[in-house]
C-alpha atoms as a PDB file:
ATOM      1  CA  UNK A   1      -5.968  28.071 -11.527  1.00  0.00           C
ATOM      2  CA  UNK A   2      -7.534  30.546 -13.936  1.00  0.00           C
ATOM      3  CA  UNK A   3     -11.168  31.216 -13.008  1.00  0.00           C
ATOM      4  CA  UNK A   4     -12.151  33.759 -15.681  1.00  0.00           C
ATOM      5  CA  UNK A   5     -12.108  33.185 -19.426  1.00  0.00           C
ATOM      6  CA  UNK A   6     -12.362  35.415 -22.499  1.00  0.00           C
ATOM      7  CA  UNK A   7     -15.801  36.162 -23.948  1.00  0.00           C
ATOM      8  CA  UNK A   8     -14.865  34.193 -27.046  1.00  0.00           C
ATOM      9  CA  UNK A   9     -14.990  30.622 -25.757  1.00  0.00           C
ATOM     10  CA  UNK A  10     -14.774  29.017 -29.209  1.00  0.00           C
ATOM     11  CA  UNK A  11     -11.691  30.309 -31.022  1.00  0.00           C
ATOM     12  CA  UNK A  12      -8.711  27.994 -30.615  1.00  0.00           C
ATOM     13  CA  UNK A  13      -5.211  29.438 -30.111  1.00  0.00           C
ATOM     14  CA  UNK A  14      -2.279  28.468 -32.321  1.00  0.00           C
ATOM     15  CA  UNK A  15      -0.049  25.760 -30.901  1.00  0.00           C
ATOM     16  CA  UNK A  16       3.224  24.014 -31.577  1.00  0.00           C
ATOM     17  CA  UNK A  17       3.396  20.557 -33.177  1.00  0.00           C
ATOM     18  CA  UNK A  18       6.288  19.579 -30.891  1.00  0.00           C
ATOM     19  CA  UNK A  19       4.710  18.530 -27.594  1.00  0.00           C
ATOM     20  CA  UNK A  20       8.019  17.519 -25.997  1.00  0.00           C
ATOM     21  CA  UNK A  21       9.288  21.090 -26.389  1.00  0.00           C
ATOM     22  CA  UNK A  22       6.220  22.518 -24.622  1.00  0.00           C
ATOM     23  CA  UNK A  23       5.683  20.359 -21.551  1.00  0.00           C
ATOM     24  CA  UNK A  24       7.136  22.785 -18.999  1.00  0.00           C
ATOM     25  CA  UNK A  25       7.823  20.993 -15.697  1.00  0.00           C
ATOM     26  CA  UNK A  26       6.459  17.719 -17.105  1.00  0.00           C
ATOM     27  CA  UNK A  27       9.217  17.414 -19.724  1.00  0.00           C
ATOM     28  CA  UNK A  28      11.628  15.414 -17.472  1.00  0.00           C
ATOM     29  CA  UNK A  29       8.869  12.828 -16.878  1.00  0.00           C
ATOM     30  CA  UNK A  30       8.452  11.880 -20.547  1.00  0.00           C
ATOM     31  CA  UNK A  31       9.663   8.378 -21.358  1.00  0.00           C
ATOM     32  CA  UNK A  32       9.499   4.839 -20.013  1.00  0.00           C
ATOM     33  CA  UNK A  33      10.445   4.242 -16.378  1.00  0.00           C
ATOM     34  CA  UNK A  34      11.059   1.612 -13.697  1.00  0.00           C
ATOM     35  CA  UNK A  35      11.141   2.271  -9.986  1.00  0.00           C
ATOM     36  CA  UNK A  36      13.847   1.424  -7.451  1.00  0.00           C
ATOM     37  CA  UNK A  37      11.307  -0.516  -5.320  1.00  0.00           C
ATOM     38  CA  UNK A  38       8.331   1.521  -4.163  1.00  0.00           C
ATOM     39  CA  UNK A  39       6.696   1.432  -0.719  1.00  0.00           C
ATOM     40  CA  UNK A  40       2.944   1.156  -0.169  1.00  0.00           C
ATOM     41  CA  UNK A  41       1.197   1.704   3.188  1.00  0.00           C
ATOM     42  CA  UNK A  42      -2.397   0.456   3.062  1.00  0.00           C
ATOM     43  CA  UNK A  43      -5.174  -0.483   5.494  1.00  0.00           C
ATOM     44  CA  UNK A  44      -5.850  -4.044   6.649  1.00  0.00           C
ATOM     45  CA  UNK A  45      -8.398  -5.398   9.093  1.00  0.00           C
ATOM     46  CA  UNK A  46      -6.114  -5.061  12.127  1.00  0.00           C
ATOM     47  CA  UNK A  47      -4.322  -1.809  11.228  1.00  0.00           C
ATOM     48  CA  UNK A  48      -1.723  -1.019   8.578  1.00  0.00           C
ATOM     49  CA  UNK A  49       0.336  -3.192   6.235  1.00  0.00           C
ATOM     50  CA  UNK A  50       3.324  -2.223   4.112  1.00  0.00           C
ATOM     51  CA  UNK A  51       4.285  -3.708   0.767  1.00  0.00           C
ATOM     52  CA  UNK A  52       7.234  -3.196  -1.547  1.00  0.00           C
ATOM     53  CA  UNK A  53       6.332  -2.929  -5.212  1.00  0.00           C
ATOM     54  CA  UNK A  54       7.907  -2.863  -8.652  1.00  0.00           C
ATOM     55  CA  UNK A  55       6.499  -0.366 -11.113  1.00  0.00           C
ATOM     56  CA  UNK A  56       6.773   0.200 -14.845  1.00  0.00           C
ATOM     57  CA  UNK A  57       5.431   3.542 -16.024  1.00  0.00           C
ATOM     58  CA  UNK A  58       5.153   4.827 -19.574  1.00  0.00           C
ATOM     59  CA  UNK A  59       4.505   8.515 -20.293  1.00  0.00           C
ATOM     60  CA  UNK A  60       4.196   9.383 -23.979  1.00  0.00           C
ATOM     61  CA  UNK A  61       3.525  12.803 -25.555  1.00  0.00           C
ATOM     62  CA  UNK A  62       0.136  13.465 -27.163  1.00  0.00           C
ATOM     63  CA  UNK A  63      -0.768  16.095 -29.742  1.00  0.00           C
ATOM     64  CA  UNK A  64      -1.770  19.503 -28.362  1.00  0.00           C
ATOM     65  CA  UNK A  65      -5.315  19.693 -26.990  1.00  0.00           C
ATOM     66  CA  UNK A  66      -7.708  22.661 -26.925  1.00  0.00           C
ATOM     67  CA  UNK A  67     -10.914  23.635 -25.149  1.00  0.00           C
ATOM     68  CA  UNK A  68     -11.750  26.741 -27.165  1.00  0.00           C
ATOM     69  CA  UNK A  69      -9.126  29.284 -25.991  1.00  0.00           C
ATOM     70  CA  UNK A  70      -7.519  26.797 -23.592  1.00  0.00           C
ATOM     71  CA  UNK A  71      -4.371  25.018 -24.816  1.00  0.00           C
ATOM     72  CA  UNK A  72      -2.824  21.925 -23.207  1.00  0.00           C
ATOM     73  CA  UNK A  73       0.291  19.898 -23.906  1.00  0.00           C
ATOM     74  CA  UNK A  74       0.396  16.513 -22.259  1.00  0.00           C
ATOM     75  CA  UNK A  75       1.573  12.984 -21.609  1.00  0.00           C
ATOM     76  CA  UNK A  76      -0.593   9.883 -21.800  1.00  0.00           C
ATOM     77  CA  UNK A  77       0.490   7.445 -19.109  1.00  0.00           C
ATOM     78  CA  UNK A  78       0.071   3.849 -18.037  1.00  0.00           C
ATOM     79  CA  UNK A  79       1.531   2.489 -14.823  1.00  0.00           C
ATOM     80  CA  UNK A  80       1.606  -1.213 -14.000  1.00  0.00           C
ATOM     81  CA  UNK A  81       2.669  -2.460 -10.566  1.00  0.00           C
ATOM     82  CA  UNK A  82       3.456  -5.900  -9.180  1.00  0.00           C
ATOM     83  CA  UNK A  83       4.923  -7.173  -5.936  1.00  0.00           C
ATOM     84  CA  UNK A  84       8.592  -8.255  -6.189  1.00  0.00           C
ATOM     85  CA  UNK A  85       8.874 -11.698  -7.756  1.00  0.00           C
ATOM     86  CA  UNK A  86       5.169 -11.885  -8.694  1.00  0.00           C
ATOM     87  CA  UNK A  87       3.269 -11.474 -11.977  1.00  0.00           C
ATOM     88  CA  UNK A  88      -0.264 -10.722 -10.770  1.00  0.00           C
ATOM     89  CA  UNK A  89      -1.175  -7.050 -11.028  1.00  0.00           C
ATOM     90  CA  UNK A  90      -0.959  -5.220  -7.705  1.00  0.00           C
ATOM     91  CA  UNK A  91      -2.068  -1.892  -9.166  1.00  0.00           C
ATOM     92  CA  UNK A  92      -2.877  -0.610 -12.658  1.00  0.00           C
ATOM     93  CA  UNK A  93      -3.600   2.998 -13.609  1.00  0.00           C
ATOM     94  CA  UNK A  94      -4.088   5.043 -16.770  1.00  0.00           C
ATOM     95  CA  UNK A  95      -4.619   8.720 -17.521  1.00  0.00           C
ATOM     96  CA  UNK A  96      -2.988  11.979 -18.588  1.00  0.00           C
ATOM     97  CA  UNK A  97      -0.582  14.558 -17.221  1.00  0.00           C
ATOM     98  CA  UNK A  98      -1.431  17.982 -18.711  1.00  0.00           C
ATOM     99  CA  UNK A  99       0.427  21.321 -18.774  1.00  0.00           C
ATOM    100  CA  UNK A 100      -1.229  24.662 -19.596  1.00  0.00           C
ATOM    101  CA  UNK A 101       1.536  27.174 -20.456  1.00  0.00           C
ATOM    102  CA  UNK A 102      -0.774  30.203 -20.276  1.00  0.00           C
ATOM    103  CA  UNK A 103      -1.689  29.660 -16.617  1.00  0.00           C
ATOM    104  CA  UNK A 104       0.996  27.348 -15.203  1.00  0.00           C
ATOM    105  CA  UNK A 105      -1.641  24.714 -14.453  1.00  0.00           C
ATOM    106  CA  UNK A 106      -0.692  21.058 -14.068  1.00  0.00           C
ATOM    107  CA  UNK A 107      -3.501  18.515 -14.180  1.00  0.00           C
ATOM    108  CA  UNK A 108      -3.446  14.743 -13.727  1.00  0.00           C
ATOM    109  CA  UNK A 109      -6.311  12.435 -14.593  1.00  0.00           C
ATOM    110  CA  UNK A 110      -6.392   8.900 -13.251  1.00  0.00           C
ATOM    111  CA  UNK A 111      -8.557   5.837 -13.613  1.00  0.00           C
ATOM    112  CA  UNK A 112      -8.084   2.493 -11.885  1.00  0.00           C
ATOM    113  CA  UNK A 113      -9.888  -0.830 -12.526  1.00  0.00           C
ATOM    114  CA  UNK A 114     -11.508  -0.841  -9.096  1.00  0.00           C
ATOM    115  CA  UNK A 115     -14.265   1.638 -10.055  1.00  0.00           C
ATOM    116  CA  UNK A 116     -12.537   4.899  -9.205  1.00  0.00           C
ATOM    117  CA  UNK A 117     -11.452   8.017 -11.126  1.00  0.00           C
ATOM    118  CA  UNK A 118      -9.994  11.366 -10.097  1.00  0.00           C
ATOM    119  CA  UNK A 119      -8.873  14.715 -11.491  1.00  0.00           C
ATOM    120  CA  UNK A 120      -6.078  16.439  -9.555  1.00  0.00           C
ATOM    121  CA  UNK A 121      -4.678  19.914 -10.147  1.00  0.00           C
ATOM    122  CA  UNK A 122      -1.975  22.348  -9.102  1.00  0.00           C
ATOM    123  CA  UNK A 123       0.265  25.081 -10.497  1.00  0.00           C
ATOM    124  CA  UNK A 124       3.994  25.435 -11.132  1.00  0.00           C
ATOM    125  CA  UNK A 125       6.588  27.437 -13.002  1.00  0.00           C
ATOM    126  CA  UNK A 126       7.803  26.037 -16.338  1.00  0.00           C
ATOM    127  CA  UNK A 127      11.189  25.164 -14.817  1.00  0.00           C
ATOM    128  CA  UNK A 128       9.850  23.838 -11.492  1.00  0.00           C
ATOM    129  CA  UNK A 129      11.625  20.839  -9.979  1.00  0.00           C
ATOM    130  CA  UNK A 130       8.911  20.230  -7.397  1.00  0.00           C
ATOM    131  CA  UNK A 131       5.139  20.530  -7.658  1.00  0.00           C
ATOM    132  CA  UNK A 132       2.017  19.294  -5.897  1.00  0.00           C
ATOM    133  CA  UNK A 133      -1.446  18.334  -7.128  1.00  0.00           C
ATOM    134  CA  UNK A 134      -4.633  17.811  -5.108  1.00  0.00           C
ATOM    135  CA  UNK A 135      -8.140  16.425  -5.550  1.00  0.00           C
ATOM    136  CA  UNK A 136     -11.013  16.393  -3.058  1.00  0.00           C
ATOM    137  CA  UNK A 137     -14.212  14.408  -2.806  1.00  0.00           C
ATOM    138  CA  UNK A 138     -17.189  16.581  -3.662  1.00  0.00           C
ATOM    139  CA  UNK A 139     -15.332  19.054  -5.843  1.00  0.00           C
ATOM    140  CA  UNK A 140     -16.870  19.603  -9.274  1.00  0.00           C
ATOM    141  CA  UNK A 141     -13.502  20.598 -10.771  1.00  0.00           C
ATOM    142  CA  UNK A 142     -10.653  18.696  -9.125  1.00  0.00           C
ATOM    143  CA  UNK A 143     -12.556  15.836  -7.586  1.00  0.00           C
ATOM    144  CA  UNK A 144     -12.790  12.107  -6.875  1.00  0.00           C
ATOM    145  CA  UNK A 145     -15.542   9.728  -7.965  1.00  0.00           C
ATOM    146  CA  UNK A 146     -15.849   6.155  -6.659  1.00  0.00           C
ATOM    147  CA  UNK A 147     -18.144   3.204  -7.140  1.00  0.00           C
ATOM    148  CA  UNK A 148     -20.784   2.556  -4.434  1.00  0.00           C
ATOM    149  CA  UNK A 149     -18.734   0.093  -2.359  1.00  0.00           C
ATOM    150  CA  UNK A 150     -15.541   2.176  -2.226  1.00  0.00           C
ATOM    151  CA  UNK A 151     -17.523   5.344  -1.578  1.00  0.00           C
ATOM    152  CA  UNK A 152     -19.177   3.738   1.448  1.00  0.00           C
ATOM    153  CA  UNK A 153     -16.508   1.470   2.929  1.00  0.00           C
ATOM    154  CA  UNK A 154     -13.274   3.261   1.955  1.00  0.00           C
ATOM    155  CA  UNK A 155     -14.327   6.835   1.270  1.00  0.00           C
ATOM    156  CA  UNK A 156     -11.546   8.759  -0.472  1.00  0.00           C
ATOM    157  CA  UNK A 157     -11.669  12.254   1.026  1.00  0.00           C
ATOM    158  CA  UNK A 158      -8.550  13.762  -0.509  1.00  0.00           C
ATOM    159  CA  UNK A 159      -5.682  12.888  -2.856  1.00  0.00           C
ATOM    160  CA  UNK A 160      -2.313  14.668  -2.769  1.00  0.00           C
ATOM    161  CA  UNK A 161       0.616  13.864  -5.037  1.00  0.00           C
ATOM    162  CA  UNK A 162       4.003  15.547  -4.774  1.00  0.00           C
ATOM    163  CA  UNK A 163       6.549  15.209  -7.590  1.00  0.00           C
ATOM    164  CA  UNK A 164      10.294  15.906  -7.306  1.00  0.00           C
ATOM    165  CA  UNK A 165      12.608  16.071 -10.328  1.00  0.00           C
ATOM    166  CA  UNK A 166      16.176  15.020  -9.435  1.00  0.00           C
ATOM    167  CA  UNK A 167      19.408  16.433 -10.945  1.00  0.00           C
ATOM    168  CA  UNK A 168      20.474  12.951 -12.129  1.00  0.00           C
ATOM    169  CA  UNK A 169      17.435  12.589 -14.396  1.00  0.00           C
ATOM    170  CA  UNK A 170      15.327  10.482 -12.074  1.00  0.00           C
ATOM    171  CA  UNK A 171      12.043  11.692 -10.547  1.00  0.00           C
ATOM    172  CA  UNK A 172      10.062  10.736  -7.456  1.00  0.00           C
ATOM    173  CA  UNK A 173       6.455  10.855  -6.364  1.00  0.00           C
ATOM    174  CA  UNK A 174       4.901  10.759  -2.904  1.00  0.00           C
ATOM    175  CA  UNK A 175       1.151  10.130  -3.058  1.00  0.00           C
ATOM    176  CA  UNK A 176      -1.189  10.250  -0.063  1.00  0.00           C
ATOM    177  CA  UNK A 177      -4.823   9.172  -0.273  1.00  0.00           C
ATOM    178  CA  UNK A 178      -6.865  10.151   2.790  1.00  0.00           C
ATOM    179  CA  UNK A 179      -9.482   7.490   3.529  1.00  0.00           C
ATOM    180  CA  UNK A 180     -12.477   7.504   5.856  1.00  0.00           C
ATOM    181  CA  UNK A 181     -12.783   3.775   6.530  1.00  0.00           C
ATOM    182  CA  UNK A 182     -15.996   2.182   7.740  1.00  0.00           C
ATOM    183  CA  UNK A 183     -15.664   1.290  11.438  1.00  0.00           C
ATOM    184  CA  UNK A 184     -12.645   3.553  12.094  1.00  0.00           C
ATOM    185  CA  UNK A 185     -12.715   6.914  13.834  1.00  0.00           C
ATOM    186  CA  UNK A 186      -9.567   8.416  12.315  1.00  0.00           C
ATOM    187  CA  UNK A 187      -8.662   9.243   8.746  1.00  0.00           C
ATOM    188  CA  UNK A 188      -6.212   6.698   7.290  1.00  0.00           C
ATOM    189  CA  UNK A 189      -3.355   7.934   5.099  1.00  0.00           C
ATOM    190  CA  UNK A 190      -2.788   5.418   2.315  1.00  0.00           C
ATOM    191  CA  UNK A 191       0.668   6.334   1.033  1.00  0.00           C
ATOM    192  CA  UNK A 192       2.682   5.303  -2.023  1.00  0.00           C
ATOM    193  CA  UNK A 193       6.163   6.583  -2.872  1.00  0.00           C
ATOM    194  CA  UNK A 194       8.833   5.613  -5.368  1.00  0.00           C
ATOM    195  CA  UNK A 195      11.733   6.957  -7.407  1.00  0.00           C
ATOM    196  CA  UNK A 196      11.626   6.353 -11.152  1.00  0.00           C
ATOM    197  CA  UNK A 197      14.641   5.714 -13.421  1.00  0.00           C
ATOM    198  CA  UNK A 198      14.409   5.987 -17.198  1.00  0.00           C
ATOM    199  CA  UNK A 199      14.752   2.868 -19.348  1.00  0.00           C
ATOM    200  CA  UNK A 200      13.624   4.331 -22.711  1.00  0.00           C
ATOM    201  CA  UNK A 201      13.130   7.724 -24.343  1.00  0.00           C
ATOM    202  CA  UNK A 202       9.651   8.959 -25.284  1.00  0.00           C
ATOM    203  CA  UNK A 203       8.169   8.442 -28.728  1.00  0.00           C
ATOM    204  CA  UNK A 204       7.349  11.728 -30.549  1.00  0.00           C
ATOM    205  CA  UNK A 205       3.672  12.648 -30.600  1.00  0.00           C
ATOM    206  CA  UNK A 206       1.834  12.036 -33.920  1.00  0.00           C
ATOM    207  CA  UNK A 207       2.089  15.646 -35.161  1.00  0.00           C
ATOM    208  CA  UNK A 208       5.788  15.749 -34.380  1.00  0.00           C
ATOM    209  CA  UNK A 209       6.417  12.377 -35.988  1.00  0.00           C
ATOM    210  CA  UNK A 210       4.651  13.535 -39.166  1.00  0.00           C
ATOM    211  CA  UNK A 211       6.625  16.797 -39.264  1.00  0.00           C
ATOM    212  CA  UNK A 212       9.922  14.964 -38.763  1.00  0.00           C
ATOM    213  CA  UNK A 213       9.077  12.426 -41.465  1.00  0.00           C
ATOM    214  CA  UNK A 214       8.054  15.160 -43.916  1.00  0.00           C
ATOM    215  CA  UNK A 215      11.266  17.077 -43.304  1.00  0.00           C
ATOM    216  CA  UNK A 216      13.328  13.945 -43.824  1.00  0.00           C
ATOM    217  CA  UNK A 217      11.494  13.140 -47.050  1.00  0.00           C
ATOM    218  CA  UNK A 218      12.096  16.665 -48.361  1.00  0.00           C
ATOM    219  CA  UNK A 219      15.821  16.358 -47.721  1.00  0.00           C
ATOM    220  CA  UNK A 220      16.026  12.994 -49.474  1.00  0.00           C
ATOM    221  CA  UNK A 221      13.834  13.747 -52.507  1.00  0.00           C
ATOM    222  CA  UNK A 222      15.813  14.306 -55.739  1.00  0.00           C
ATOM    223  CA  UNK A 223      15.900  17.795 -57.162  1.00  0.00           C
ATOM    224  CA  UNK A 224      15.129  18.385 -60.816  1.00  0.00           C
ATOM    225  CA  UNK A 225      16.691  21.152 -62.847  1.00  0.00           C
ATOM    226  CA  UNK A 226      14.690  23.427 -65.110  1.00  0.00           C
END
């Protein structure tokens, strides 16, 4: 990750309206996805339990984002998970996947409705087919913040997520959350992994949609002779 910035921290760089064309390694993840049955290993009172899960994930392009000289392209995501044959939510999560072309940084934000948020980061080449992001409790940059109960009873020490892009268009994730659980001596690895298959293409980001509509209108408008 870049640790030094230009003296001018206000001037924004030019960017492209077409987010899908500038997502680097995140481009294959854009769209709407279902998994081929995920596997979840989680703690229970007498050890470890494993559950299968069904996941629907939507990743849609957003307009370019700037922090002064910093330029991001990204995907807004929502993932909803249930157990096979059930309707009650097993897990729900929202956030962003971000790509910074200038530095090769990949960043994922996440928020879940159990009073926990995290910011994970890593780096990759624009054409990378595998990449890894990490967050650690206590970090002021790529960190984890939990509500009082989770922070005491199920302390999240570290989050690691590995993504693999497959030649057939699918992609997989393997996510490990390291927990210090009250009453246990050893760190517990809460693990989730699944392979996603596309069920719908992404919707163009607002700037792109406007540009496409304007171009179409120009082609269709009647010409007048002088």
